Amino acid sequence: MSSAHALIIDDNHANIDVLAMLLAEQGLTHTAIDSLRHLSACLDQLGQVDVIFLDLEFPNGDGFSAFNHLQADARLQGVPVVAYTVHTSEINQVKAAGFHSFLGKPLNARRFPDQLKRILNHVPVWE
């Protein structure tokens, strides 16, 4: 999985740090955005993105509207967008919205390498 790049969109720095560490262990680089206000500017500067991890709760918006913004960006067509949230009760809403995959927080460090491999191979993961 070398040279793959992940985009992390989460307002919680502890969550970003955990996910960044798990990604690094699998050889991925990442870019993190901690506010939806920075999304458009970041996308304009970002090169290759292979997977996007999107939290669903933000103080200034929600992950569903951010997801719609990502889906509308031609540069991100085909890039799996993974909802990752503590609100596992939202899994059906996430599926209905069209997300590629869903991972509940806290992420399971033992299962994450396999989950990531499946997602990068465009196999949906709903856990």
Protein backbone atom coordinates (compact mmCIF):
# COMPACT_ATOMS: atom_id res chain seq x y z
CA MET A 1 0.00 0.00 0.00
CA SER A 2 2.95 2.29 -0.47
CA SER A 3 2.56 5.88 -1.59
CA ALA A 4 -1.18 6.02 -0.98
CA HIS A 5 -2.43 9.28 0.51
CA ALA A 6 -5.34 9.78 2.90
CA LEU A 7 -7.33 12.91 3.66
CA ILE A 8 -8.57 13.11 7.26
CA ILE A 9 -11.40 15.55 8.01
CA ASP A 10 -12.03 15.70 11.77
CA ASP A 11 -12.21 18.53 14.31
CA ASN A 12 -10.80 16.36 17.13
CA HIS A 13 -7.00 16.41 17.16
CA ALA A 14 -6.75 13.26 19.29
CA ASN A 15 -8.78 11.36 16.69
CA ILE A 16 -6.62 12.77 13.89
CA ASP A 17 -3.47 11.67 15.74
CA VAL A 18 -4.74 8.11 16.23
CA LEU A 19 -5.86 7.74 12.62
CA ALA A 20 -2.63 9.32 11.33
CA MET A 21 -0.59 6.82 13.37
CA LEU A 22 -2.63 3.86 12.07
CA LEU A 23 -2.25 5.11 8.49
CA ALA A 24 1.51 5.64 8.89
CA GLU A 25 1.87 2.07 10.17
CA GLN A 26 0.37 0.95 6.85
CA GLY A 27 2.69 3.19 4.83
CA LEU A 28 0.19 5.92 3.98
CA THR A 29 0.83 9.63 4.12
CA HIS A 30 -1.99 11.93 5.12
CA THR A 31 -3.32 15.45 5.08
CA ALA A 32 -5.57 16.50 7.97
CA ILE A 33 -8.23 19.21 8.00
CA ASP A 34 -9.72 20.16 11.37
CA SER A 35 -12.41 22.52 10.11
CA LEU A 36 -14.91 22.30 7.26
CA ARG A 37 -14.15 25.97 6.50
CA HIS A 38 -10.73 24.86 5.20
CA LEU A 39 -12.03 22.08 2.96
CA SER A 40 -12.22 23.92 -0.37
CA ALA A 41 -8.83 25.60 0.04
CA CYS A 42 -7.22 22.31 1.03
CA LEU A 43 -8.71 20.45 -1.94
CA ASP A 44 -7.29 23.11 -4.27
CA GLN A 45 -3.78 22.45 -2.94
CA LEU A 46 -4.02 18.70 -2.55
CA GLY A 47 -2.51 16.30 -5.03
CA GLN A 48 -3.41 12.63 -5.13
CA VAL A 49 -5.98 11.35 -2.63
CA ASP A 50 -6.68 7.62 -2.35
CA VAL A 51 -9.09 7.58 0.59
CA ILE A 52 -10.98 10.16 2.66
CA PHE A 53 -11.88 9.68 6.33
CA LEU A 54 -14.71 12.03 7.26
CA ASP A 55 -16.03 12.60 10.76
CA LEU A 56 -19.75 13.36 10.84
CA GLU A 57 -19.90 15.98 13.60
CA PHE A 58 -18.39 19.45 13.45
CA PRO A 59 -19.06 22.62 15.45
CA ASN A 60 -19.61 24.55 12.19
CA GLY A 61 -21.38 21.97 10.03
CA ASP A 62 -21.83 18.27 9.52
CA GLY A 63 -20.15 15.46 7.65
CA PHE A 64 -23.13 14.90 5.38
CA SER A 65 -22.88 18.36 3.80
CA ALA A 66 -19.10 17.94 3.55
CA PHE A 67 -19.68 14.57 1.85
CA ASN A 68 -21.92 16.24 -0.75
CA HIS A 69 -19.18 18.82 -1.36
CA LEU A 70 -16.60 16.03 -1.83
CA GLN A 71 -18.89 14.08 -4.16
CA ALA A 72 -19.36 17.17 -6.34
CA ASP A 73 -15.58 17.62 -6.79
CA ALA A 74 -14.52 16.05 -10.10
CA ARG A 75 -10.96 15.54 -8.78
CA LEU A 76 -12.29 13.10 -6.18
CA GLN A 77 -14.42 10.88 -8.42
CA GLY A 78 -13.91 7.26 -7.42
CA VAL A 79 -12.14 8.11 -4.17
CA PRO A 80 -13.70 6.12 -1.31
CA VAL A 81 -15.16 8.36 1.40
CA VAL A 82 -15.27 6.63 4.79
CA ALA A 83 -17.57 7.95 7.51
CA TYR A 84 -15.89 7.49 10.86
CA THR A 85 -17.80 8.47 13.96
CA VAL A 86 -18.69 7.50 17.51
CA HIS A 87 -22.35 7.64 16.45
CA THR A 88 -22.62 4.08 15.15
CA SER A 89 -26.42 4.48 15.20
CA GLU A 90 -26.02 6.65 12.06
CA ILE A 91 -24.79 3.72 9.93
CA ASN A 92 -28.05 3.45 7.94
CA GLN A 93 -28.16 7.21 7.32
CA VAL A 94 -24.52 7.04 6.15
CA LYS A 95 -25.28 4.13 3.82
CA ALA A 96 -28.33 5.94 2.40
CA ALA A 97 -26.24 9.08 1.77
CA GLY A 98 -23.89 7.05 -0.45
CA PHE A 99 -20.70 6.83 1.59
CA HIS A 100 -18.29 4.08 0.51
CA SER A 101 -17.62 2.72 4.00
CA PHE A 102 -18.26 3.23 7.70
CA LEU A 103 -15.89 2.76 10.65
CA GLY A 104 -17.01 3.32 14.21
CA LYS A 105 -14.79 5.16 16.69
CA PRO A 106 -12.71 4.26 18.47
CA LEU A 107 -10.96 2.59 15.57
CA ASN A 108 -9.84 -0.98 16.21
CA ALA A 109 -6.04 -1.00 15.74
CA ARG A 110 -5.97 -4.78 15.19
CA ARG A 111 -8.64 -4.73 12.50
CA PHE A 112 -7.67 -1.45 10.84
CA PRO A 113 -4.96 -2.81 8.48
CA ASP A 114 -7.43 -5.24 6.90
CA GLN A 115 -10.22 -2.64 6.83
CA LEU A 116 -7.91 -0.14 5.12
CA LYS A 117 -6.68 -2.70 2.59
CA ARG A 118 -10.27 -3.55 1.64
CA ILE A 119 -11.25 0.13 1.33
CA LEU A 120 -8.22 0.91 -0.87
CA ASN A 121 -9.24 -2.05 -3.06
CA HIS A 122 -12.71 -0.42 -3.35
CA VAL A 123 -14.41 -3.06 -1.21
CA PRO A 124 -16.91 -1.34 1.13
CA VAL A 125 -16.42 -1.86 4.87
CA TRP A 126 -19.38 -1.38 7.25
CA GLU A 127 -18.10 -1.96 10.80
